[in-house]
Amino acid sequence: MVKFLYIVSLGIASFLLFIFSTEKEDITCNHKSTGIISMIEDPAGDYLGIITDDNNILQPFSMTEGIVLAVGQEVTVCYNIDSTLIIPSKSSLPVNIGAISYRTQ
C-alpha cells in the first residue's frame, strides 16, 4: 500500500512539474552589432546604453532574462528594434536585447 501511494505521489509531482515548467524561448534577432556599454546622458534621463562601432546608440527597453549590462564592457549584441517606441527627435534606437556576449579586452 505504501509503495502504491509513493508511486502515485511521484506521478502527480511529475505531472505538475511538466505542466508548470517554463520553456526557454528560441532567441531570434534581426540585428547584430558590436560596441561598448556606457552611461548615456539624455534630456529625459541617464541610462545604460550600447554605443556601436557604427556610432549608433542602442537604448535597451527590454532584455531576455539573465542579461547583465556593465559599463565599459565590449560586447556583441543581438537585438530587435522596437519600432513602436522610435521617436524621430532622439538619437538613440529603442531595442529589445535578445542575447549579449562579452568580448575579451
PDB file of N, CA and C in Angstrom:
ATOM      1  N   MET A   1       0.826  -1.196   0.000  1.00  0.00           N
ATOM      2  CA  MET A   1       0.000   0.000   0.000  1.00  0.00           C
ATOM      3  C   MET A   1       0.872   1.262   0.000  1.00  0.00           C
ATOM      4  N   VAL A   2       1.951   1.240   0.797  1.00  0.00           N
ATOM      5  CA  VAL A   2       2.852   2.389   0.866  1.00  0.00           C
ATOM      6  C   VAL A   2       3.541   2.596  -0.479  1.00  0.00           C
ATOM      7  N   LYS A   3       3.911   1.490  -1.118  1.00  0.00           N
ATOM      8  CA  LYS A   3       4.544   1.578  -2.429  1.00  0.00           C
ATOM      9  C   LYS A   3       3.602   2.218  -3.452  1.00  0.00           C
ATOM     10  N   PHE A   4       2.359   1.836  -3.416  1.00  0.00           N
ATOM     11  CA  PHE A   4       1.367   2.385  -4.334  1.00  0.00           C
ATOM     12  C   PHE A   4       1.209   3.890  -4.126  1.00  0.00           C
ATOM     13  N   LEU A   5       1.107   4.341  -2.875  1.00  0.00           N
ATOM     14  CA  LEU A   5       0.981   5.771  -2.575  1.00  0.00           C
ATOM     15  C   LEU A   5       2.229   6.536  -3.017  1.00  0.00           C
ATOM     16  N   TYR A   6       3.392   5.928  -2.827  1.00  0.00           N
ATOM     17  CA  TYR A   6       4.650   6.553  -3.236  1.00  0.00           C
ATOM     18  C   TYR A   6       4.677   6.745  -4.756  1.00  0.00           C
ATOM     19  N   ILE A   7       4.288   5.728  -5.498  1.00  0.00           N
ATOM     20  CA  ILE A   7       4.293   5.810  -6.958  1.00  0.00           C
ATOM     21  C   ILE A   7       3.262   6.821  -7.444  1.00  0.00           C
ATOM     22  N   VAL A   8       2.097   6.854  -6.831  1.00  0.00           N
ATOM     23  CA  VAL A   8       1.065   7.816  -7.219  1.00  0.00           C
ATOM     24  C   VAL A   8       1.531   9.240  -6.939  1.00  0.00           C
ATOM     25  N   SER A   9       2.153   9.468  -5.778  1.00  0.00           N
ATOM     26  CA  SER A   9       2.628  10.823  -5.454  1.00  0.00           C
ATOM     27  C   SER A   9       3.746  11.249  -6.404  1.00  0.00           C
ATOM     28  N   LEU A  10       4.621  10.343  -6.791  1.00  0.00           N
ATOM     29  CA  LEU A  10       5.655  10.668  -7.778  1.00  0.00           C
ATOM     30  C   LEU A  10       5.030  10.999  -9.129  1.00  0.00           C
ATOM     31  N   GLY A  11       4.016  10.269  -9.505  1.00  0.00           N
ATOM     32  CA  GLY A  11       3.328  10.543 -10.764  1.00  0.00           C
ATOM     33  C   GLY A  11       2.662  11.903 -10.765  1.00  0.00           C
ATOM     34  N   ILE A  12       2.017  12.256  -9.668  1.00  0.00           N
ATOM     35  CA  ILE A  12       1.365  13.566  -9.559  1.00  0.00           C
ATOM     36  C   ILE A  12       2.403  14.678  -9.582  1.00  0.00           C
ATOM     37  N   ALA A  13       3.501  14.503  -8.842  1.00  0.00           N
ATOM     38  CA  ALA A  13       4.559  15.517  -8.815  1.00  0.00           C
ATOM     39  C   ALA A  13       5.169  15.695 -10.208  1.00  0.00           C
ATOM     40  N   SER A  14       5.403  14.611 -10.913  1.00  0.00           N
ATOM     41  CA  SER A  14       5.961  14.700 -12.266  1.00  0.00           C
ATOM     42  C   SER A  14       5.002  15.417 -13.206  1.00  0.00           C
ATOM     43  N   PHE A  15       3.724  15.109 -13.086  1.00  0.00           N
ATOM     44  CA  PHE A  15       2.725  15.757 -13.929  1.00  0.00           C
ATOM     45  C   PHE A  15       2.669  17.256 -13.660  1.00  0.00           C
ATOM     46  N   LEU A  16       2.698  17.655 -12.390  1.00  0.00           N
ATOM     47  CA  LEU A  16       2.663  19.077 -12.042  1.00  0.00           C
ATOM     48  C   LEU A  16       3.923  19.799 -12.520  1.00  0.00           C
ATOM     49  N   LEU A  17       5.078  19.166 -12.379  1.00  0.00           N
ATOM     50  CA  LEU A  17       6.313  19.770 -12.878  1.00  0.00           C
ATOM     51  C   LEU A  17       6.267  19.934 -14.393  1.00  0.00           C
ATOM     52  N   PHE A  18       5.701  18.975 -15.072  1.00  0.00           N
ATOM     53  CA  PHE A  18       5.576  19.061 -16.526  1.00  0.00           C
ATOM     54  C   PHE A  18       4.669  20.224 -16.928  1.00  0.00           C
ATOM     55  N   ILE A  19       3.578  20.403 -16.223  1.00  0.00           N
ATOM     56  CA  ILE A  19       2.629  21.466 -16.557  1.00  0.00           C
ATOM     57  C   ILE A  19       3.213  22.845 -16.279  1.00  0.00           C
ATOM     58  N   PHE A  20       3.866  23.016 -15.125  1.00  0.00           N
ATOM     59  CA  PHE A  20       4.313  24.342 -14.708  1.00  0.00           C
ATOM     60  C   PHE A  20       5.756  24.660 -15.076  1.00  0.00           C
ATOM     61  N   SER A  21       6.418  23.787 -15.790  1.00  0.00           N
ATOM     62  CA  SER A  21       7.795  24.084 -16.186  1.00  0.00           C
ATOM     63  C   SER A  21       7.791  25.145 -17.273  1.00  0.00           C
ATOM     64  N   THR A  22       8.800  26.009 -17.233  1.00  0.00           N
ATOM     65  CA  THR A  22       8.899  27.060 -18.242  1.00  0.00           C
ATOM     66  C   THR A  22       9.870  26.610 -19.318  1.00  0.00           C
ATOM     67  N   GLU A  23       9.510  26.888 -20.535  1.00  0.00           N
ATOM     68  CA  GLU A  23      10.369  26.533 -21.652  1.00  0.00           C
ATOM     69  C   GLU A  23      11.214  27.730 -22.038  1.00  0.00           C
ATOM     70  N   LYS A  24      12.420  27.466 -22.463  1.00  0.00           N
ATOM     71  CA  LYS A  24      13.290  28.524 -22.957  1.00  0.00           C
ATOM     72  C   LYS A  24      12.827  28.915 -24.353  1.00  0.00           C
ATOM     73  N   GLU A  25      12.755  30.216 -24.577  1.00  0.00           N
ATOM     74  CA  GLU A  25      12.385  30.701 -25.896  1.00  0.00           C
ATOM     75  C   GLU A  25      13.604  30.668 -26.809  1.00  0.00           C
ATOM     76  N   ASP A  26      13.370  30.346 -28.061  1.00  0.00           N
ATOM     77  CA  ASP A  26      14.435  30.482 -29.045  1.00  0.00           C
ATOM     78  C   ASP A  26      14.568  31.961 -29.371  1.00  0.00           C
ATOM     79  N   ILE A  27      15.773  32.465 -29.247  1.00  0.00           N
ATOM     80  CA  ILE A  27      16.005  33.884 -29.470  1.00  0.00           C
ATOM     81  C   ILE A  27      16.207  34.120 -30.960  1.00  0.00           C
ATOM     82  N   THR A  28      15.341  34.934 -31.531  1.00  0.00           N
ATOM     83  CA  THR A  28      15.503  35.319 -32.927  1.00  0.00           C
ATOM     84  C   THR A  28      15.770  36.814 -32.963  1.00  0.00           C
ATOM     85  N   CYS A  29      16.899  37.168 -33.481  1.00  0.00           N
ATOM     86  CA  CYS A  29      17.288  38.572 -33.545  1.00  0.00           C
ATOM     87  C   CYS A  29      17.461  38.975 -35.002  1.00  0.00           C
ATOM     88  N   ASN A  30      16.988  40.167 -35.304  1.00  0.00           N
ATOM     89  CA  ASN A  30      17.099  40.671 -36.668  1.00  0.00           C
ATOM     90  C   ASN A  30      18.377  41.465 -36.900  1.00  0.00           C
ATOM     91  N   HIS A  31      19.028  41.905 -35.828  1.00  0.00           N
ATOM     92  CA  HIS A  31      20.216  42.746 -35.954  1.00  0.00           C
ATOM     93  C   HIS A  31      21.300  42.255 -35.000  1.00  0.00           C
ATOM     94  N   LYS A  32      22.542  42.481 -35.402  1.00  0.00           N
ATOM     95  CA  LYS A  32      23.684  42.113 -34.566  1.00  0.00           C
ATOM     96  C   LYS A  32      24.741  43.191 -34.718  1.00  0.00           C
ATOM     97  N   SER A  33      25.264  43.683 -33.596  1.00  0.00           N
ATOM     98  CA  SER A  33      26.279  44.738 -33.627  1.00  0.00           C
ATOM     99  C   SER A  33      27.296  44.503 -32.531  1.00  0.00           C
ATOM    100  N   THR A  34      28.437  45.138 -32.701  1.00  0.00           N
ATOM    101  CA  THR A  34      29.441  45.147 -31.648  1.00  0.00           C
ATOM    102  C   THR A  34      29.596  46.578 -31.160  1.00  0.00           C
ATOM    103  N   GLY A  35      29.963  46.717 -29.909  1.00  0.00           N
ATOM    104  CA  GLY A  35      30.124  48.049 -29.344  1.00  0.00           C
ATOM    105  C   GLY A  35      30.550  47.986 -27.898  1.00  0.00           C
ATOM    106  N   ILE A  36      30.358  49.088 -27.206  1.00  0.00           N
ATOM    107  CA  ILE A  36      30.758  49.195 -25.807  1.00  0.00           C
ATOM    108  C   ILE A  36      29.581  49.731 -24.993  1.00  0.00           C
ATOM    109  N   ILE A  37      29.417  49.200 -23.798  1.00  0.00           N
ATOM    110  CA  ILE A  37      28.345  49.646 -22.909  1.00  0.00           C
ATOM    111  C   ILE A  37      28.817  50.891 -22.180  1.00  0.00           C
ATOM    112  N   SER A  38      27.987  51.921 -22.160  1.00  0.00           N
ATOM    113  CA  SER A  38      28.357  53.152 -21.459  1.00  0.00           C
ATOM    114  C   SER A  38      27.113  53.831 -20.907  1.00  0.00           C
ATOM    115  N   MET A  39      27.333  54.805 -20.039  1.00  0.00           N
ATOM    116  CA  MET A  39      26.248  55.590 -19.470  1.00  0.00           C
ATOM    117  C   MET A  39      25.892  56.682 -20.471  1.00  0.00           C
ATOM    118  N   ILE A  40      24.662  56.699 -20.921  1.00  0.00           N
ATOM    119  CA  ILE A  40      24.187  57.670 -21.901  1.00  0.00           C
ATOM    120  C   ILE A  40      23.431  58.757 -21.155  1.00  0.00           C
ATOM    121  N   GLU A  41      23.806  60.013 -21.410  1.00  0.00           N
ATOM    122  CA  GLU A  41      23.113  61.143 -20.792  1.00  0.00           C
ATOM    123  C   GLU A  41      22.142  61.715 -21.807  1.00  0.00           C
ATOM    124  N   ASP A  42      20.885  61.726 -21.446  1.00  0.00           N
ATOM    125  CA  ASP A  42      19.802  62.144 -22.329  1.00  0.00           C
ATOM    126  C   ASP A  42      18.973  63.182 -21.579  1.00  0.00           C
ATOM    127  N   PRO A  43      18.337  64.138 -22.257  1.00  0.00           N
ATOM    128  CA  PRO A  43      17.474  65.097 -21.551  1.00  0.00           C
ATOM    129  C   PRO A  43      16.373  64.417 -20.734  1.00  0.00           C
ATOM    130  N   ALA A  44      15.944  63.234 -21.164  1.00  0.00           N
ATOM    131  CA  ALA A  44      14.908  62.510 -20.426  1.00  0.00           C
ATOM    132  C   ALA A  44      15.477  61.783 -19.214  1.00  0.00           C
ATOM    133  N   GLY A  45      16.786  61.616 -19.151  1.00  0.00           N
ATOM    134  CA  GLY A  45      17.416  60.909 -18.038  1.00  0.00           C
ATOM    135  C   GLY A  45      18.644  60.152 -18.494  1.00  0.00           C
ATOM    136  N   ASP A  46      19.324  59.550 -17.545  1.00  0.00           N
ATOM    137  CA  ASP A  46      20.523  58.772 -17.831  1.00  0.00           C
ATOM    138  C   ASP A  46      20.160  57.288 -17.856  1.00  0.00           C
ATOM    139  N   TYR A  47      20.822  56.545 -18.715  1.00  0.00           N
ATOM    140  CA  TYR A  47      20.566  55.112 -18.803  1.00  0.00           C
ATOM    141  C   TYR A  47      21.804  54.415 -19.340  1.00  0.00           C
ATOM    142  N   LEU A  48      21.878  53.108 -19.102  1.00  0.00           N
ATOM    143  CA  LEU A  48      22.941  52.299 -19.685  1.00  0.00           C
ATOM    144  C   LEU A  48      22.556  51.978 -21.118  1.00  0.00           C
ATOM    145  N   GLY A  49      23.440  52.276 -22.022  1.00  0.00           N
ATOM    146  CA  GLY A  49      23.181  52.010 -23.428  1.00  0.00           C
ATOM    147  C   GLY A  49      24.409  51.416 -24.080  1.00  0.00           C
ATOM    148  N   ILE A  50      24.264  51.069 -25.316  1.00  0.00           N
ATOM    149  CA  ILE A  50      25.361  50.480 -26.076  1.00  0.00           C
ATOM    150  C   ILE A  50      25.672  51.398 -27.245  1.00  0.00           C
ATOM    151  N   ILE A  51      26.920  51.850 -27.307  1.00  0.00           N
ATOM    152  CA  ILE A  51      27.383  52.640 -28.443  1.00  0.00           C
ATOM    153  C   ILE A  51      28.073  51.666 -29.386  1.00  0.00           C
ATOM    154  N   THR A  52      27.496  51.496 -30.564  1.00  0.00           N
ATOM    155  CA  THR A  52      28.016  50.510 -31.504  1.00  0.00           C
ATOM    156  C   THR A  52      29.249  51.051 -32.222  1.00  0.00           C
ATOM    157  N   ASP A  53      29.937  50.163 -32.907  1.00  0.00           N
ATOM    158  CA  ASP A  53      31.110  50.564 -33.686  1.00  0.00           C
ATOM    159  C   ASP A  53      30.726  51.493 -34.833  1.00  0.00           C
ATOM    160  N   ASP A  54      29.446  51.496 -35.224  1.00  0.00           N
ATOM    161  CA  ASP A  54      28.939  52.390 -36.274  1.00  0.00           C
ATOM    162  C   ASP A  54      28.434  53.707 -35.696  1.00  0.00           C
ATOM    163  N   ASN A  55      28.701  53.969 -34.420  1.00  0.00           N
ATOM    164  CA  ASN A  55      28.268  55.172 -33.690  1.00  0.00           C
ATOM    165  C   ASN A  55      26.754  55.299 -33.555  1.00  0.00           C
ATOM    166  N   ASN A  56      26.040  54.190 -33.541  1.00  0.00           N
ATOM    167  CA  ASN A  56      24.620  54.193 -33.206  1.00  0.00           C
ATOM    168  C   ASN A  56      24.487  53.992 -31.702  1.00  0.00           C
ATOM    169  N   ILE A  57      23.455  54.567 -31.114  1.00  0.00           N
ATOM    170  CA  ILE A  57      23.201  54.384 -29.686  1.00  0.00           C
ATOM    171  C   ILE A  57      21.992  53.478 -29.542  1.00  0.00           C
ATOM    172  N   LEU A  58      22.195  52.343 -28.877  1.00  0.00           N
ATOM    173  CA  LEU A  58      21.108  51.408 -28.632  1.00  0.00           C
ATOM    174  C   LEU A  58      20.615  51.600 -27.205  1.00  0.00           C
ATOM    175  N   GLN A  59      19.334  51.915 -27.059  1.00  0.00           N
ATOM    176  CA  GLN A  59      18.730  52.093 -25.739  1.00  0.00           C
ATOM    177  C   GLN A  59      17.881  50.861 -25.436  1.00  0.00           C
ATOM    178  N   PRO A  60      18.329  50.018 -24.498  1.00  0.00           N
ATOM    179  CA  PRO A  60      17.574  48.797 -24.214  1.00  0.00           C
ATOM    180  C   PRO A  60      16.266  49.094 -23.478  1.00  0.00           C
ATOM    181  N   PHE A  61      15.156  48.676 -24.067  1.00  0.00           N
ATOM    182  CA  PHE A  61      13.854  48.808 -23.418  1.00  0.00           C
ATOM    183  C   PHE A  61      13.427  47.506 -22.777  1.00  0.00           C
ATOM    184  N   SER A  62      13.928  46.395 -23.294  1.00  0.00           N
ATOM    185  CA  SER A  62      13.668  45.102 -22.674  1.00  0.00           C
ATOM    186  C   SER A  62      14.822  44.169 -23.012  1.00  0.00           C
ATOM    187  N   MET A  63      15.026  43.197 -22.121  1.00  0.00           N
ATOM    188  CA  MET A  63      16.100  42.232 -22.302  1.00  0.00           C
ATOM    189  C   MET A  63      15.589  40.864 -21.876  1.00  0.00           C
ATOM    190  N   THR A  64      16.144  39.829 -22.467  1.00  0.00           N
ATOM    191  CA  THR A  64      15.793  38.499 -22.009  1.00  0.00           C
ATOM    192  C   THR A  64      16.411  38.271 -20.643  1.00  0.00           C
ATOM    193  N   GLU A  65      15.848  37.325 -19.937  1.00  0.00           N
ATOM    194  CA  GLU A  65      16.263  37.054 -18.566  1.00  0.00           C
ATOM    195  C   GLU A  65      17.734  36.643 -18.508  1.00  0.00           C
ATOM    196  N   GLY A  66      18.441  37.154 -17.539  1.00  0.00           N
ATOM    197  CA  GLY A  66      19.828  36.776 -17.327  1.00  0.00           C
ATOM    198  C   GLY A  66      20.849  37.688 -17.981  1.00  0.00           C
ATOM    199  N   ILE A  67      20.431  38.713 -18.689  1.00  0.00           N
ATOM    200  CA  ILE A  67      21.373  39.637 -19.322  1.00  0.00           C
ATOM    201  C   ILE A  67      21.752  40.725 -18.330  1.00  0.00           C
ATOM    202  N   VAL A  68      23.047  40.955 -18.196  1.00  0.00           N
ATOM    203  CA  VAL A  68      23.564  41.976 -17.288  1.00  0.00           C
ATOM    204  C   VAL A  68      24.415  42.946 -18.098  1.00  0.00           C
ATOM    205  N   LEU A  69      24.157  44.242 -17.920  1.00  0.00           N
ATOM    206  CA  LEU A  69      24.948  45.270 -18.594  1.00  0.00           C
ATOM    207  C   LEU A  69      25.914  45.881 -17.595  1.00  0.00           C
ATOM    208  N   ALA A  70      27.178  45.998 -17.977  1.00  0.00           N
ATOM    209  CA  ALA A  70      28.202  46.590 -17.121  1.00  0.00           C
ATOM    210  C   ALA A  70      28.965  47.629 -17.928  1.00  0.00           C
ATOM    211  N   VAL A  71      29.087  48.824 -17.378  1.00  0.00           N
ATOM    212  CA  VAL A  71      29.736  49.939 -18.072  1.00  0.00           C
ATOM    213  C   VAL A  71      31.174  49.579 -18.423  1.00  0.00           C
ATOM    214  N   GLY A  72      31.563  49.915 -19.646  1.00  0.00           N
ATOM    215  CA  GLY A  72      32.935  49.712 -20.090  1.00  0.00           C
ATOM    216  C   GLY A  72      33.182  48.386 -20.777  1.00  0.00           C
ATOM    217  N   GLN A  73      32.225  47.491 -20.765  1.00  0.00           N
ATOM    218  CA  GLN A  73      32.411  46.182 -21.382  1.00  0.00           C
ATOM    219  C   GLN A  73      32.224  46.268 -22.894  1.00  0.00           C
ATOM    220  N   GLU A  74      33.109  45.615 -23.617  1.00  0.00           N
ATOM    221  CA  GLU A  74      32.945  45.492 -25.064  1.00  0.00           C
ATOM    222  C   GLU A  74      32.068  44.275 -25.319  1.00  0.00           C
ATOM    223  N   VAL A  75      31.029  44.462 -26.139  1.00  0.00           N
ATOM    224  CA  VAL A  75      30.049  43.403 -26.319  1.00  0.00           C
ATOM    225  C   VAL A  75      29.691  43.198 -27.786  1.00  0.00           C
ATOM    226  N   THR A  76      29.175  42.029 -28.058  1.00  0.00           N
ATOM    227  CA  THR A  76      28.472  41.745 -29.301  1.00  0.00           C
ATOM    228  C   THR A  76      27.032  41.511 -28.890  1.00  0.00           C
ATOM    229  N   VAL A  77      26.122  42.291 -29.460  1.00  0.00           N
ATOM    230  CA  VAL A  77      24.731  42.257 -29.017  1.00  0.00           C
ATOM    231  C   VAL A  77      23.819  41.830 -30.163  1.00  0.00           C
ATOM    232  N   CYS A  78      22.863  40.988 -29.844  1.00  0.00           N
ATOM    233  CA  CYS A  78      21.840  40.533 -30.778  1.00  0.00           C
ATOM    234  C   CYS A  78      20.539  41.197 -30.339  1.00  0.00           C
ATOM    235  N   TYR A  79      19.904  41.959 -31.234  1.00  0.00           N
ATOM    236  CA  TYR A  79      18.756  42.760 -30.805  1.00  0.00           C
ATOM    237  C   TYR A  79      17.725  42.916 -31.910  1.00  0.00           C
ATOM    238  N   ASN A  80      16.551  43.362 -31.507  1.00  0.00           N
ATOM    239  CA  ASN A  80      15.472  43.738 -32.426  1.00  0.00           C
ATOM    240  C   ASN A  80      15.099  45.176 -32.128  1.00  0.00           C
ATOM    241  N   ILE A  81      14.897  45.966 -33.157  1.00  0.00           N
ATOM    242  CA  ILE A  81      14.491  47.362 -32.975  1.00  0.00           C
ATOM    243  C   ILE A  81      12.995  47.402 -32.692  1.00  0.00           C
ATOM    244  N   ASP A  82      12.620  48.116 -31.632  1.00  0.00           N
ATOM    245  CA  ASP A  82      11.210  48.267 -31.268  1.00  0.00           C
ATOM    246  C   ASP A  82      10.656  49.490 -31.988  1.00  0.00           C
ATOM    247  N   SER A  83      10.050  49.269 -33.135  1.00  0.00           N
ATOM    248  CA  SER A  83       9.597  50.381 -33.978  1.00  0.00           C
ATOM    249  C   SER A  83       8.451  51.165 -33.358  1.00  0.00           C
ATOM    250  N   THR A  84       7.763  50.600 -32.375  1.00  0.00           N
ATOM    251  CA  THR A  84       6.660  51.332 -31.739  1.00  0.00           C
ATOM    252  C   THR A  84       7.163  52.422 -30.808  1.00  0.00           C
ATOM    253  N   LEU A  85       8.436  52.344 -30.403  1.00  0.00           N
ATOM    254  CA  LEU A  85       8.988  53.318 -29.461  1.00  0.00           C
ATOM    255  C   LEU A  85       9.931  54.325 -30.104  1.00  0.00           C
ATOM    256  N   ILE A  86      10.104  54.278 -31.412  1.00  0.00           N
ATOM    257  CA  ILE A  86      11.033  55.193 -32.080  1.00  0.00           C
ATOM    258  C   ILE A  86      10.478  56.611 -32.054  1.00  0.00           C
ATOM    259  N   ILE A  87      11.322  57.538 -31.591  1.00  0.00           N
ATOM    260  CA  ILE A  87      10.985  58.962 -31.592  1.00  0.00           C
ATOM    261  C   ILE A  87      11.979  59.635 -32.531  1.00  0.00           C
ATOM    262  N   PRO A  88      11.509  60.287 -33.601  1.00  0.00           N
ATOM    263  CA  PRO A  88      12.421  60.853 -34.605  1.00  0.00           C
ATOM    264  C   PRO A  88      13.431  61.853 -34.041  1.00  0.00           C
ATOM    265  N   SER A  89      13.073  62.589 -33.000  1.00  0.00           N
ATOM    266  CA  SER A  89      13.976  63.613 -32.482  1.00  0.00           C
ATOM    267  C   SER A  89      15.102  63.031 -31.628  1.00  0.00           C
ATOM    268  N   LYS A  90      14.977  61.779 -31.204  1.00  0.00           N
ATOM    269  CA  LYS A  90      16.013  61.170 -30.367  1.00  0.00           C
ATOM    270  C   LYS A  90      17.079  60.514 -31.231  1.00  0.00           C
ATOM    271  N   SER A  91      18.288  60.509 -30.717  1.00  0.00           N
ATOM    272  CA  SER A  91      19.390  59.918 -31.467  1.00  0.00           C
ATOM    273  C   SER A  91      19.571  58.435 -31.163  1.00  0.00           C
ATOM    274  N   SER A  92      18.871  57.920 -30.155  1.00  0.00           N
ATOM    275  CA  SER A  92      19.045  56.519 -29.787  1.00  0.00           C
ATOM    276  C   SER A  92      17.946  55.649 -30.390  1.00  0.00           C
ATOM    277  N   LEU A  93      18.274  54.372 -30.569  1.00  0.00           N
ATOM    278  CA  LEU A  93      17.312  53.407 -31.089  1.00  0.00           C
ATOM    279  C   LEU A  93      16.786  52.554 -29.938  1.00  0.00           C
ATOM    280  N   PRO A  94      15.465  52.474 -29.750  1.00  0.00           N
ATOM    281  CA  PRO A  94      14.916  51.592 -28.715  1.00  0.00           C
ATOM    282  C   PRO A  94      14.997  50.139 -29.188  1.00  0.00           C
ATOM    283  N   VAL A  95      15.609  49.287 -28.376  1.00  0.00           N
ATOM    284  CA  VAL A  95      15.822  47.904 -28.794  1.00  0.00           C
ATOM    285  C   VAL A  95      15.393  46.922 -27.710  1.00  0.00           C
ATOM    286  N   ASN A  96      15.094  45.724 -28.158  1.00  0.00           N
ATOM    287  CA  ASN A  96      14.862  44.578 -27.284  1.00  0.00           C
ATOM    288  C   ASN A  96      16.076  43.674 -27.440  1.00  0.00           C
ATOM    289  N   ILE A  97      16.857  43.528 -26.375  1.00  0.00           N
ATOM    290  CA  ILE A  97      18.088  42.740 -26.449  1.00  0.00           C
ATOM    291  C   ILE A  97      17.747  41.271 -26.229  1.00  0.00           C
ATOM    292  N   GLY A  98      18.111  40.448 -27.207  1.00  0.00           N
ATOM    293  CA  GLY A  98      17.848  39.023 -27.115  1.00  0.00           C
ATOM    294  C   GLY A  98      19.017  38.252 -26.537  1.00  0.00           C
ATOM    295  N   ALA A  99      20.231  38.640 -26.903  1.00  0.00           N
ATOM    296  CA  ALA A  99      21.425  37.948 -26.420  1.00  0.00           C
ATOM    297  C   ALA A  99      22.590  38.918 -26.435  1.00  0.00           C
ATOM    298  N   ILE A 100      23.532  38.656 -25.551  1.00  0.00           N
ATOM    299  CA  ILE A 100      24.714  39.513 -25.476  1.00  0.00           C
ATOM    300  C   ILE A 100      25.906  38.634 -25.128  1.00  0.00           C
ATOM    301  N   SER A 101      27.038  38.899 -25.755  1.00  0.00           N
ATOM    302  CA  SER A 101      28.262  38.179 -25.407  1.00  0.00           C
ATOM    303  C   SER A 101      29.365  39.206 -25.208  1.00  0.00           C
ATOM    304  N   TYR A 102      30.139  38.985 -24.175  1.00  0.00           N
ATOM    305  CA  TYR A 102      31.207  39.918 -23.825  1.00  0.00           C
ATOM    306  C   TYR A 102      32.481  39.533 -24.550  1.00  0.00           C
ATOM    307  N   ARG A 103      33.137  40.526 -25.142  1.00  0.00           N
ATOM    308  CA  ARG A 103      34.400  40.295 -25.839  1.00  0.00           C
ATOM    309  C   ARG A 103      35.539  40.511 -24.859  1.00  0.00           C
ATOM    310  N   THR A 104      36.613  39.787 -25.042  1.00  0.00           N
ATOM    311  CA  THR A 104      37.780  39.977 -24.186  1.00  0.00           C
ATOM    312  C   THR A 104      38.495  41.245 -24.605  1.00  0.00           C
ATOM    313  N   GLN A 105      38.944  41.984 -23.610  1.00  0.00           N
ATOM    314  CA  GLN A 105      39.581  43.282 -23.886  1.00  0.00           C
ATOM    315  C   GLN A 105      41.070  43.147 -24.025  1.00  0.00           C
TER     316      GLN A 105
END
